[in-house]
Amino acid sequence: MKNIRDIMQRIISFRDVRDWKQFHNPKDVAISLVLEANEVMEHFQWKNALEMEKHVIEHKDEISDELADVLYWVLLMSHDLEIDILTSLEEKIRKNEIKYPVEKVKGKHTKYTKL
């Protein structure tokens, strides 16, 4: 898979040959996305920095699978809602650059509404 279009086509083909589109309304796809994101979080819950570092080394393949699941649902949802996700990402980064100017936020984690 060389580019996003190839990946999207493979995802859609995977779904469609299994006749799963009938189950993929926006609500249920959004729920699946959140559930997969929660599975990523489970890898880090209740761990301190040292424990997380060790866990990532020992469970990198599992974390990788969960992140891939999140991306799968993001790409599927963006396809079904006819959202160009790469353009959306570029626009969101542009908005964040305005919300979080370097001179105000460098080295800080303050939310833009509190700057």
Protein backbone atom coordinates (compact mmCIF):
# COMPACT_ATOMS: atom_id res chain seq x y z
CA MET A 1 0.00 0.00 0.00
CA LYS A 2 1.74 3.09 -1.22
CA ASN A 3 -0.66 5.93 -0.57
CA ILE A 4 -3.86 6.88 1.20
CA ARG A 5 -6.03 6.15 -1.86
CA ASP A 6 -4.69 2.60 -2.04
CA ILE A 7 -5.31 2.09 1.66
CA MET A 8 -8.84 3.51 1.41
CA GLN A 9 -9.65 1.25 -1.52
CA ARG A 10 -8.39 -1.78 0.36
CA ILE A 11 -10.50 -0.87 3.41
CA ILE A 12 -13.64 -0.35 1.32
CA SER A 13 -13.03 -3.57 -0.60
CA PHE A 14 -12.47 -5.49 2.66
CA ARG A 15 -15.78 -4.20 4.00
CA ASP A 16 -17.82 -4.50 0.83
CA VAL A 17 -16.90 -8.07 -0.10
CA ARG A 18 -18.13 -9.07 3.36
CA ASP A 19 -21.38 -7.14 2.89
CA TRP A 20 -20.76 -5.13 6.07
CA LYS A 21 -21.68 -1.70 4.71
CA GLN A 22 -25.24 -2.36 5.89
CA PHE A 23 -23.94 -2.18 9.48
CA HIS A 24 -21.77 0.89 9.00
CA ASN A 25 -23.97 3.86 9.74
CA PRO A 26 -22.13 6.93 11.12
CA LYS A 27 -23.19 6.26 14.73
CA ASP A 28 -21.92 2.69 14.80
CA VAL A 29 -18.72 3.54 12.96
CA ALA A 30 -18.08 6.36 15.46
CA ILE A 31 -18.69 3.93 18.32
CA SER A 32 -16.24 1.46 16.78
CA LEU A 33 -13.66 4.22 16.45
CA VAL A 34 -14.01 5.17 20.11
CA LEU A 35 -13.90 1.53 21.24
CA GLU A 36 -10.66 0.98 19.35
CA ALA A 37 -9.19 4.20 20.77
CA ASN A 38 -10.07 2.89 24.22
CA GLU A 39 -8.15 -0.30 23.46
CA VAL A 40 -5.10 1.87 22.76
CA MET A 41 -5.60 3.62 26.11
CA GLU A 42 -5.82 0.31 27.97
CA HIS A 43 -2.16 -0.29 27.18
CA PHE A 44 -1.18 2.75 29.25
CA GLN A 45 -3.80 2.83 31.99
CA TRP A 46 -2.43 2.64 35.55
CA LYS A 47 1.20 2.62 34.41
CA ASN A 48 3.88 5.09 35.44
CA ALA A 49 6.45 6.35 32.93
CA LEU A 50 8.87 3.46 33.51
CA GLU A 51 6.11 0.84 33.28
CA MET A 52 4.81 2.40 30.06
CA GLU A 53 8.26 2.39 28.51
CA LYS A 54 8.66 -1.33 29.27
CA HIS A 55 5.11 -2.12 28.15
CA VAL A 56 5.61 -0.41 24.78
CA ILE A 57 8.73 -2.48 24.14
CA GLU A 58 7.01 -5.73 25.16
CA HIS A 59 3.64 -5.05 23.48
CA LYS A 60 4.53 -2.93 20.46
CA ASP A 61 2.81 -5.30 18.02
CA GLU A 62 -0.44 -5.20 20.00
CA ILE A 63 -0.34 -1.40 20.28
CA SER A 64 0.39 -1.23 16.56
CA ASP A 65 -2.68 -3.35 15.83
CA GLU A 66 -4.88 -1.10 17.96
CA LEU A 67 -3.59 2.06 16.31
CA ALA A 68 -4.23 0.46 12.92
CA ASP A 69 -7.80 -0.30 14.01
CA VAL A 70 -8.29 3.36 14.94
CA LEU A 71 -6.95 4.48 11.58
CA TYR A 72 -9.16 1.93 9.81
CA TRP A 73 -12.31 3.45 11.36
CA VAL A 74 -11.16 7.03 10.74
CA LEU A 75 -10.53 6.28 7.08
CA LEU A 76 -13.75 4.31 6.66
CA MET A 77 -15.84 7.04 8.25
CA SER A 78 -14.18 9.78 6.23
CA HIS A 79 -14.86 7.78 3.05
CA ASP A 80 -18.50 7.15 3.89
CA LEU A 81 -19.09 10.80 4.84
CA GLU A 82 -17.21 11.99 1.74
CA ILE A 83 -14.63 13.87 3.77
CA ASP A 84 -11.17 14.29 2.29
CA ILE A 85 -9.36 13.40 5.48
CA LEU A 86 -5.93 14.62 4.35
CA THR A 87 -7.35 18.01 3.39
CA SER A 88 -9.22 18.08 6.70
CA LEU A 89 -6.00 17.29 8.55
CA GLU A 90 -4.11 20.04 6.75
CA GLU A 91 -6.88 22.53 7.56
CA LYS A 92 -6.97 21.44 11.22
CA ILE A 93 -3.20 21.88 11.53
CA ARG A 94 -3.56 25.39 10.04
CA LYS A 95 -6.29 26.23 12.57
CA ASN A 96 -4.16 24.89 15.43
CA GLU A 97 -1.20 26.99 14.28
CA ILE A 98 -3.43 30.05 14.68
CA LYS A 99 -4.86 28.90 18.03
CA TYR A 100 -1.46 27.96 19.40
CA PRO A 101 1.14 30.49 18.20
CA VAL A 102 4.66 29.35 19.06
CA GLU A 103 5.51 32.54 20.91
CA LYS A 104 2.62 31.95 23.35
CA VAL A 105 2.71 28.18 23.84
CA LYS A 106 6.24 26.89 23.37
CA GLY A 107 6.95 24.48 26.20
CA LYS A 108 3.45 24.87 27.68
CA HIS A 109 0.38 22.64 27.66
CA THR A 110 -2.12 25.45 28.22
CA LYS A 111 -5.36 25.22 26.24
CA TYR A 112 -5.81 28.01 23.69
CA THR A 113 -8.84 29.39 25.58
CA LYS A 114 -6.58 30.06 28.59
CA LEU A 115 -3.73 31.83 26.76
